């Protein structure tokens, strides 16, 4: 899957439906906001530091 210039310019408003075999259905995906990405990174750092 590649991004077009138009999709990049849409930022977090860009949405795409992707078929997932394991679910036997479609899921709408979208880019993460900066805040969402930051929360994921914090959880990752905490998980890694617990090892």
C-alpha atoms as a PDB file:
ATOM      1  CA  UNK A   1       0.000   0.000   0.000  1.00  0.00           C
ATOM      2  CA  UNK A   2       1.449   3.365  -0.987  1.00  0.00           C
ATOM      3  CA  UNK A   3       0.418   6.868  -0.051  1.00  0.00           C
ATOM      4  CA  UNK A   4      -0.380   9.487  -2.618  1.00  0.00           C
ATOM      5  CA  UNK A   5       0.509  13.159  -2.230  1.00  0.00           C
ATOM      6  CA  UNK A   6      -3.184  13.947  -1.764  1.00  0.00           C
ATOM      7  CA  UNK A   7      -3.441  11.400   1.080  1.00  0.00           C
ATOM      8  CA  UNK A   8      -0.372  12.833   2.787  1.00  0.00           C
ATOM      9  CA  UNK A   9      -1.808  16.343   2.561  1.00  0.00           C
ATOM     10  CA  UNK A  10      -5.034  15.129   4.193  1.00  0.00           C
ATOM     11  CA  UNK A  11      -3.026  14.222   7.306  1.00  0.00           C
ATOM     12  CA  UNK A  12      -5.103  12.586  10.022  1.00  0.00           C
ATOM     13  CA  UNK A  13      -8.250  13.120   7.964  1.00  0.00           C
ATOM     14  CA  UNK A  14      -7.110  10.473   5.452  1.00  0.00           C
ATOM     15  CA  UNK A  15      -9.068   7.256   5.857  1.00  0.00           C
ATOM     16  CA  UNK A  16      -8.829   3.976   3.964  1.00  0.00           C
ATOM     17  CA  UNK A  17     -10.780   0.723   4.160  1.00  0.00           C
ATOM     18  CA  UNK A  18      -8.584  -2.380   4.235  1.00  0.00           C
ATOM     19  CA  UNK A  19      -9.846  -5.958   3.994  1.00  0.00           C
ATOM     20  CA  UNK A  20      -8.509  -8.177   6.805  1.00  0.00           C
ATOM     21  CA  UNK A  21      -8.692 -11.907   6.020  1.00  0.00           C
ATOM     22  CA  UNK A  22      -8.622 -12.971   9.683  1.00  0.00           C
ATOM     23  CA  UNK A  23     -11.668 -10.802  10.377  1.00  0.00           C
ATOM     24  CA  UNK A  24     -13.352 -11.638   7.077  1.00  0.00           C
ATOM     25  CA  UNK A  25     -14.206  -7.978   6.756  1.00  0.00           C
ATOM     26  CA  UNK A  26     -12.996  -4.446   6.260  1.00  0.00           C
ATOM     27  CA  UNK A  27     -11.450  -2.131   8.821  1.00  0.00           C
ATOM     28  CA  UNK A  28     -11.097   1.617   8.397  1.00  0.00           C
ATOM     29  CA  UNK A  29      -7.533   2.744   9.042  1.00  0.00           C
ATOM     30  CA  UNK A  30      -6.209   6.256   9.528  1.00  0.00           C
ATOM     31  CA  UNK A  31      -2.961   7.950  10.494  1.00  0.00           C
ATOM     32  CA  UNK A  32      -2.304   8.493  14.189  1.00  0.00           C
ATOM     33  CA  UNK A  33      -2.314  11.975  15.624  1.00  0.00           C
ATOM     34  CA  UNK A  34       0.859  13.200  17.328  1.00  0.00           C
ATOM     35  CA  UNK A  35      -0.812  12.665  20.697  1.00  0.00           C
ATOM     36  CA  UNK A  36      -1.836   9.081  19.894  1.00  0.00           C
ATOM     37  CA  UNK A  37       1.655   8.236  18.654  1.00  0.00           C
ATOM     38  CA  UNK A  38       3.172   9.757  21.793  1.00  0.00           C
ATOM     39  CA  UNK A  39       0.929   7.605  24.021  1.00  0.00           C
ATOM     40  CA  UNK A  40       1.978   4.459  22.150  1.00  0.00           C
ATOM     41  CA  UNK A  41       5.648   5.397  22.454  1.00  0.00           C
ATOM     42  CA  UNK A  42       5.271   5.941  26.213  1.00  0.00           C
ATOM     43  CA  UNK A  43       3.685   2.503  26.623  1.00  0.00           C
ATOM     44  CA  UNK A  44       6.478   0.930  24.581  1.00  0.00           C
ATOM     45  CA  UNK A  45       9.196   2.605  26.650  1.00  0.00           C
ATOM     46  CA  UNK A  46       7.524   1.489  29.891  1.00  0.00           C
ATOM     47  CA  UNK A  47       7.196  -2.087  28.617  1.00  0.00           C
ATOM     48  CA  UNK A  48      10.828  -2.246  27.505  1.00  0.00           C
ATOM     49  CA  UNK A  49      12.131  -0.773  30.769  1.00  0.00           C
ATOM     50  CA  UNK A  50      10.232  -3.442  32.767  1.00  0.00           C
ATOM     51  CA  UNK A  51      12.335  -6.249  31.267  1.00  0.00           C
END
